[in-house]
Amino acid sequence: IFASQNLTMNNFNKFLGRWYDMAHTKNPFQNGLCPTDTYLESKHGPRVFLVDYEETDVKTKERKKLNPQSLTFVKNGVLHANFSYDPKDEINPDSLNDGNYKVFYLTKEKDDEGNEKIGNIVTVYSCLDLPVIGSAPMFWVMSREVSQLPIDQLHFFKDMIVGQYQTLGASEKAVKKMRDSFEDNIMENCPQD
């Protein structure tokens, strides 16, 4: 997946904060309503960030957190996610040449004063090697806004990222599986800032 050059170390601070997960491919980690990722600074230095993932339990309607994750900036649009992060672990960003978490689509815009800001929608691709399952590609469409994206816009972004997956050589069977498992999330019981 071609990484967006619009996410740089110089503007990553504008990427920090909460993103609402509008759609994602089915994966073993996400099962609730209104999933969110909140990107935070960490004590590990300027290139290492934390990700707090939360979702609303379908039955109890209570927010629950999963274990925090670390995200290390490797190069523009390319990060390395550690889904089993332990705060005691040392993280050496210089040891990474590539990442498993790639920002595919992200725009840069100007605000009313002419200052650069990043857009409100991002698509992300990640691939993990899981025991028994093997390679597990995962896609997300996220928004800064809690309100549901118009369905045609959401499907445009979903089709875009699955199309990139196909362009990179994924088999027809793999592409079909990704397309079929790309679920729109129910944005109910969401936290409000």
C-alpha atoms as a PDB file:
ATOM      1  CA  ILE A   1       0.000   0.000   0.000  1.00  0.00           C
ATOM      2  CA  PHE A   2       1.413   3.350  -0.978  1.00  0.00           C
ATOM      3  CA  ALA A   3       1.902   5.472   2.118  1.00  0.00           C
ATOM      4  CA  SER A   4       0.642   9.041   2.193  1.00  0.00           C
ATOM      5  CA  GLN A   5       3.397  11.625   2.160  1.00  0.00           C
ATOM      6  CA  ASN A   6       1.012  13.996   3.948  1.00  0.00           C
ATOM      7  CA  LEU A   7       1.749  12.491   7.375  1.00  0.00           C
ATOM      8  CA  THR A   8       5.218  13.620   8.432  1.00  0.00           C
ATOM      9  CA  MET A   9       7.126  13.859  11.662  1.00  0.00           C
ATOM     10  CA  ASN A  10       6.710  17.654  11.417  1.00  0.00           C
ATOM     11  CA  ASN A  11       2.898  17.479  11.422  1.00  0.00           C
ATOM     12  CA  PHE A  12       2.303  14.290  13.420  1.00  0.00           C
ATOM     13  CA  ASN A  13       1.247  16.389  16.421  1.00  0.00           C
ATOM     14  CA  LYS A  14      -1.806  17.386  14.340  1.00  0.00           C
ATOM     15  CA  PHE A  15      -2.644  13.677  13.905  1.00  0.00           C
ATOM     16  CA  LEU A  16      -2.735  13.155  17.674  1.00  0.00           C
ATOM     17  CA  GLY A  17      -6.090  12.922  19.412  1.00  0.00           C
ATOM     18  CA  ARG A  18      -9.224  10.859  18.863  1.00  0.00           C
ATOM     19  CA  TRP A  19     -10.220   9.241  15.566  1.00  0.00           C
ATOM     20  CA  TYR A  20     -13.573   7.463  15.125  1.00  0.00           C
ATOM     21  CA  ASP A  21     -13.399   4.126  13.319  1.00  0.00           C
ATOM     22  CA  MET A  22     -16.147   4.330  10.688  1.00  0.00           C
ATOM     23  CA  ALA A  23     -15.360   0.966   9.056  1.00  0.00           C
ATOM     24  CA  HIS A  24     -12.795  -1.805   9.365  1.00  0.00           C
ATOM     25  CA  THR A  25     -12.132  -5.278   8.097  1.00  0.00           C
ATOM     26  CA  LYS A  26     -13.206  -7.960  10.504  1.00  0.00           C
ATOM     27  CA  ASN A  27     -10.432  -8.796  12.943  1.00  0.00           C
ATOM     28  CA  PRO A  28     -10.097 -10.553  16.307  1.00  0.00           C
ATOM     29  CA  PHE A  29      -9.579  -7.329  18.254  1.00  0.00           C
ATOM     30  CA  GLN A  30     -12.672  -5.251  17.462  1.00  0.00           C
ATOM     31  CA  ASN A  31     -16.216  -6.329  18.311  1.00  0.00           C
ATOM     32  CA  GLY A  32     -17.999  -3.360  19.891  1.00  0.00           C
ATOM     33  CA  LEU A  33     -19.864  -0.219  18.945  1.00  0.00           C
ATOM     34  CA  CYS A  34     -18.211   3.119  18.188  1.00  0.00           C
ATOM     35  CA  PRO A  35     -14.578   2.031  18.136  1.00  0.00           C
ATOM     36  CA  THR A  36     -12.058   4.834  18.605  1.00  0.00           C
ATOM     37  CA  ASP A  37      -8.283   5.221  18.470  1.00  0.00           C
ATOM     38  CA  THR A  38      -6.730   8.024  20.494  1.00  0.00           C
ATOM     39  CA  TYR A  39      -3.146   8.824  19.545  1.00  0.00           C
ATOM     40  CA  LEU A  40      -1.009  10.243  22.371  1.00  0.00           C
ATOM     41  CA  GLU A  41       2.562  11.303  23.011  1.00  0.00           C
ATOM     42  CA  SER A  42       4.711   8.838  24.977  1.00  0.00           C
ATOM     43  CA  LYS A  43       7.681   8.879  27.317  1.00  0.00           C
ATOM     44  CA  HIS A  44       9.703   6.949  24.716  1.00  0.00           C
ATOM     45  CA  GLY A  45      10.773   9.985  22.690  1.00  0.00           C
ATOM     46  CA  PRO A  46       9.508  12.127  19.830  1.00  0.00           C
ATOM     47  CA  ARG A  47       8.981   9.299  17.306  1.00  0.00           C
ATOM     48  CA  VAL A  48       7.062   6.909  19.570  1.00  0.00           C
ATOM     49  CA  PHE A  49       3.368   7.385  20.306  1.00  0.00           C
ATOM     50  CA  LEU A  50       0.702   5.516  22.230  1.00  0.00           C
ATOM     51  CA  VAL A  51      -2.656   4.408  20.907  1.00  0.00           C
ATOM     52  CA  ASP A  52      -5.581   3.943  23.276  1.00  0.00           C
ATOM     53  CA  TYR A  53      -8.265   1.823  21.645  1.00  0.00           C
ATOM     54  CA  GLU A  54     -11.790   1.898  23.087  1.00  0.00           C
ATOM     55  CA  GLU A  55     -15.164   0.564  22.058  1.00  0.00           C
ATOM     56  CA  THR A  56     -18.647   0.368  23.561  1.00  0.00           C
ATOM     57  CA  ASP A  57     -19.697  -3.090  24.717  1.00  0.00           C
ATOM     58  CA  VAL A  58     -22.709  -4.236  22.689  1.00  0.00           C
ATOM     59  CA  LYS A  59     -24.547  -5.686  25.727  1.00  0.00           C
ATOM     60  CA  THR A  60     -23.653  -3.387  28.631  1.00  0.00           C
ATOM     61  CA  LYS A  61     -23.261  -0.179  26.557  1.00  0.00           C
ATOM     62  CA  GLU A  62     -20.192   0.653  28.670  1.00  0.00           C
ATOM     63  CA  ARG A  63     -16.919   1.879  27.178  1.00  0.00           C
ATOM     64  CA  LYS A  64     -14.043  -0.567  27.452  1.00  0.00           C
ATOM     65  CA  LYS A  65     -10.362  -0.151  26.694  1.00  0.00           C
ATOM     66  CA  LEU A  66      -8.069  -2.688  25.152  1.00  0.00           C
ATOM     67  CA  ASN A  67      -4.395  -2.824  26.010  1.00  0.00           C
ATOM     68  CA  PRO A  68      -2.554   0.290  24.859  1.00  0.00           C
ATOM     69  CA  GLN A  69      -0.468  -0.011  21.738  1.00  0.00           C
ATOM     70  CA  SER A  70       2.664   1.795  20.670  1.00  0.00           C
ATOM     71  CA  LEU A  71       3.113   3.363  17.263  1.00  0.00           C
ATOM     72  CA  THR A  72       6.590   4.296  16.062  1.00  0.00           C
ATOM     73  CA  PHE A  73       7.088   6.784  13.240  1.00  0.00           C
ATOM     74  CA  VAL A  74       9.368   5.191  10.611  1.00  0.00           C
ATOM     75  CA  LYS A  75       8.983   7.532   7.621  1.00  0.00           C
ATOM     76  CA  ASN A  76       6.253   9.631   6.006  1.00  0.00           C
ATOM     77  CA  GLY A  77       2.980   7.726   6.264  1.00  0.00           C
ATOM     78  CA  VAL A  78       4.705   4.579   7.571  1.00  0.00           C
ATOM     79  CA  LEU A  79       4.567   3.552  11.216  1.00  0.00           C
ATOM     80  CA  HIS A  80       5.230   0.413  13.197  1.00  0.00           C
ATOM     81  CA  ALA A  81       2.440  -0.740  15.510  1.00  0.00           C
ATOM     82  CA  ASN A  82       3.181  -2.875  18.532  1.00  0.00           C
ATOM     83  CA  PHE A  83      -0.163  -4.422  19.448  1.00  0.00           C
ATOM     84  CA  SER A  84       1.315  -6.103  22.545  1.00  0.00           C
ATOM     85  CA  TYR A  85       2.975  -2.989  23.952  1.00  0.00           C
ATOM     86  CA  ASP A  86       4.377  -3.022  27.476  1.00  0.00           C
ATOM     87  CA  PRO A  87       5.292   0.413  28.926  1.00  0.00           C
ATOM     88  CA  LYS A  88       8.461  -1.113  30.418  1.00  0.00           C
ATOM     89  CA  ASP A  89       9.727  -2.117  26.957  1.00  0.00           C
ATOM     90  CA  GLU A  90      12.438  -0.013  25.412  1.00  0.00           C
ATOM     91  CA  ILE A  91      11.634   1.118  21.882  1.00  0.00           C
ATOM     92  CA  ASN A  92      14.402   1.934  19.425  1.00  0.00           C
ATOM     93  CA  PRO A  93      12.897   3.754  16.411  1.00  0.00           C
ATOM     94  CA  ASP A  94      16.235   3.623  14.537  1.00  0.00           C
ATOM     95  CA  SER A  95      16.039  -0.187  14.418  1.00  0.00           C
ATOM     96  CA  LEU A  96      13.008  -0.043  12.078  1.00  0.00           C
ATOM     97  CA  ASN A  97      13.326   0.171   8.282  1.00  0.00           C
ATOM     98  CA  ASP A  98       9.661  -0.371   7.497  1.00  0.00           C
ATOM     99  CA  GLY A  99       6.375  -0.451   9.324  1.00  0.00           C
ATOM    100  CA  ASN A 100       3.274  -2.603   9.585  1.00  0.00           C
ATOM    101  CA  TYR A 101       0.862   0.363   9.889  1.00  0.00           C
ATOM    102  CA  LYS A 102       0.537   2.542   6.806  1.00  0.00           C
ATOM    103  CA  VAL A 103      -1.523   5.668   6.395  1.00  0.00           C
ATOM    104  CA  PHE A 104      -2.829   5.430   2.856  1.00  0.00           C
ATOM    105  CA  TYR A 105      -5.154   8.397   2.464  1.00  0.00           C
ATOM    106  CA  LEU A 106      -4.814  11.654   4.389  1.00  0.00           C
ATOM    107  CA  THR A 107      -5.207  15.157   3.015  1.00  0.00           C
ATOM    108  CA  LYS A 108      -3.483  18.377   3.994  1.00  0.00           C
ATOM    109  CA  GLU A 109      -5.613  21.506   4.050  1.00  0.00           C
ATOM    110  CA  LYS A 110      -5.314  25.154   5.061  1.00  0.00           C
ATOM    111  CA  ASP A 111      -7.368  26.646   7.883  1.00  0.00           C
ATOM    112  CA  ASP A 112      -8.947  30.106   7.748  1.00  0.00           C
ATOM    113  CA  GLU A 113      -5.660  31.748   8.790  1.00  0.00           C
ATOM    114  CA  GLY A 114      -3.681  29.861   6.123  1.00  0.00           C
ATOM    115  CA  ASN A 115      -2.059  27.413   8.562  1.00  0.00           C
ATOM    116  CA  GLU A 116      -1.573  23.834   7.418  1.00  0.00           C
ATOM    117  CA  LYS A 117      -3.776  21.178   8.990  1.00  0.00           C
ATOM    118  CA  ILE A 118      -4.431  17.558   8.212  1.00  0.00           C
ATOM    119  CA  GLY A 119      -7.769  16.356   6.893  1.00  0.00           C
ATOM    120  CA  ASN A 120     -10.592  14.747   8.839  1.00  0.00           C
ATOM    121  CA  ILE A 121     -10.535  11.339   7.128  1.00  0.00           C
ATOM    122  CA  VAL A 122      -7.753   8.759   7.088  1.00  0.00           C
ATOM    123  CA  THR A 123      -7.473   5.237   5.705  1.00  0.00           C
ATOM    124  CA  VAL A 124      -5.021   2.825   7.288  1.00  0.00           C
ATOM    125  CA  TYR A 125      -3.614  -0.552   6.283  1.00  0.00           C
ATOM    126  CA  SER A 126      -1.883  -2.910   8.690  1.00  0.00           C
ATOM    127  CA  CYS A 127      -0.686  -6.464   8.332  1.00  0.00           C
ATOM    128  CA  LEU A 128       0.092  -8.765  11.219  1.00  0.00           C
ATOM    129  CA  ASP A 129       1.498 -12.271  11.332  1.00  0.00           C
ATOM    130  CA  LEU A 130      -0.765 -14.136  13.744  1.00  0.00           C
ATOM    131  CA  PRO A 131      -0.180 -17.652  15.072  1.00  0.00           C
ATOM    132  CA  VAL A 132      -2.345 -20.271  13.340  1.00  0.00           C
ATOM    133  CA  ILE A 133      -4.014 -17.648  11.109  1.00  0.00           C
ATOM    134  CA  GLY A 134      -0.864 -16.442   9.327  1.00  0.00           C
ATOM    135  CA  SER A 135      -0.795 -13.101   7.545  1.00  0.00           C
ATOM    136  CA  ALA A 136      -3.724 -10.915   8.554  1.00  0.00           C
ATOM    137  CA  PRO A 137      -4.218  -7.714   6.557  1.00  0.00           C
ATOM    138  CA  MET A 138      -6.524  -5.172   8.192  1.00  0.00           C
ATOM    139  CA  PHE A 139      -8.008  -1.931   6.842  1.00  0.00           C
ATOM    140  CA  TRP A 140      -9.660   1.025   8.583  1.00  0.00           C
ATOM    141  CA  VAL A 141     -11.519   4.167   7.525  1.00  0.00           C
ATOM    142  CA  MET A 142     -11.438   6.716  10.346  1.00  0.00           C
ATOM    143  CA  SER A 143     -12.836  10.208  10.825  1.00  0.00           C
ATOM    144  CA  ARG A 144     -12.273  13.034  13.285  1.00  0.00           C
ATOM    145  CA  GLU A 145     -16.059  13.511  13.412  1.00  0.00           C
ATOM    146  CA  VAL A 146     -18.299  11.194  15.414  1.00  0.00           C
ATOM    147  CA  SER A 147     -21.202  11.597  12.981  1.00  0.00           C
ATOM    148  CA  GLN A 148     -21.584   8.801  10.466  1.00  0.00           C
ATOM    149  CA  LEU A 149     -20.036   9.478   7.066  1.00  0.00           C
ATOM    150  CA  PRO A 150     -22.502   9.488   4.165  1.00  0.00           C
ATOM    151  CA  ILE A 151     -22.694   5.892   2.930  1.00  0.00           C
ATOM    152  CA  ASP A 152     -21.477   6.731  -0.589  1.00  0.00           C
ATOM    153  CA  GLN A 153     -18.429   8.540   0.824  1.00  0.00           C
ATOM    154  CA  LEU A 154     -17.658   5.695   3.236  1.00  0.00           C
ATOM    155  CA  HIS A 155     -17.905   3.120   0.442  1.00  0.00           C
ATOM    156  CA  PHE A 156     -15.682   5.266  -1.794  1.00  0.00           C
ATOM    157  CA  PHE A 157     -12.886   5.070   0.810  1.00  0.00           C
ATOM    158  CA  LYS A 158     -13.449   1.368   1.405  1.00  0.00           C
ATOM    159  CA  ASP A 159     -13.282   0.662  -2.342  1.00  0.00           C
ATOM    160  CA  MET A 160     -10.165   2.836  -2.647  1.00  0.00           C
ATOM    161  CA  ILE A 161      -8.133   0.938  -0.064  1.00  0.00           C
ATOM    162  CA  VAL A 162      -9.277  -2.504  -1.254  1.00  0.00           C
ATOM    163  CA  GLY A 163      -8.378  -1.420  -4.811  1.00  0.00           C
ATOM    164  CA  GLN A 164      -4.852  -0.572  -3.625  1.00  0.00           C
ATOM    165  CA  TYR A 165      -4.614  -4.010  -2.044  1.00  0.00           C
ATOM    166  CA  GLN A 166      -5.522  -5.549  -5.400  1.00  0.00           C
ATOM    167  CA  THR A 167      -3.048  -3.304  -7.275  1.00  0.00           C
ATOM    168  CA  LEU A 168      -0.271  -4.585  -5.039  1.00  0.00           C
ATOM    169  CA  GLY A 169      -0.917  -8.134  -6.200  1.00  0.00           C
ATOM    170  CA  ALA A 170      -3.455  -9.626  -3.804  1.00  0.00           C
ATOM    171  CA  SER A 171      -5.295 -12.557  -5.332  1.00  0.00           C
ATOM    172  CA  GLU A 172      -8.940 -12.253  -6.397  1.00  0.00           C
ATOM    173  CA  LYS A 173      -9.853 -14.519  -3.486  1.00  0.00           C
ATOM    174  CA  ALA A 174      -7.985 -12.314  -0.967  1.00  0.00           C
ATOM    175  CA  VAL A 175      -9.530  -9.135  -2.399  1.00  0.00           C
ATOM    176  CA  LYS A 176     -13.024 -10.645  -2.225  1.00  0.00           C
ATOM    177  CA  LYS A 177     -12.420 -11.715   1.381  1.00  0.00           C
ATOM    178  CA  MET A 178     -11.319  -8.189   2.336  1.00  0.00           C
ATOM    179  CA  ARG A 179     -14.244  -6.577   0.525  1.00  0.00           C
ATOM    180  CA  ASP A 180     -16.737  -8.986   2.138  1.00  0.00           C
ATOM    181  CA  SER A 181     -15.331  -8.497   5.644  1.00  0.00           C
ATOM    182  CA  PHE A 182     -15.086  -4.674   5.481  1.00  0.00           C
ATOM    183  CA  GLU A 183     -17.809  -3.723   7.965  1.00  0.00           C
ATOM    184  CA  ASP A 184     -19.403  -0.338   8.550  1.00  0.00           C
ATOM    185  CA  ASN A 185     -19.370   0.380  12.278  1.00  0.00           C
ATOM    186  CA  ILE A 186     -22.379   1.407  14.317  1.00  0.00           C
ATOM    187  CA  MET A 187     -21.537   4.781  15.804  1.00  0.00           C
ATOM    188  CA  GLU A 188     -23.732   4.577  18.925  1.00  0.00           C
ATOM    189  CA  ASN A 189     -22.778   5.294  22.553  1.00  0.00           C
ATOM    190  CA  CYS A 190     -19.743   7.272  21.422  1.00  0.00           C
ATOM    191  CA  PRO A 191     -17.657   9.501  23.672  1.00  0.00           C
ATOM    192  CA  GLN A 192     -17.995  13.198  22.998  1.00  0.00           C
ATOM    193  CA  ASP A 193     -15.109  15.626  23.364  1.00  0.00           C
END
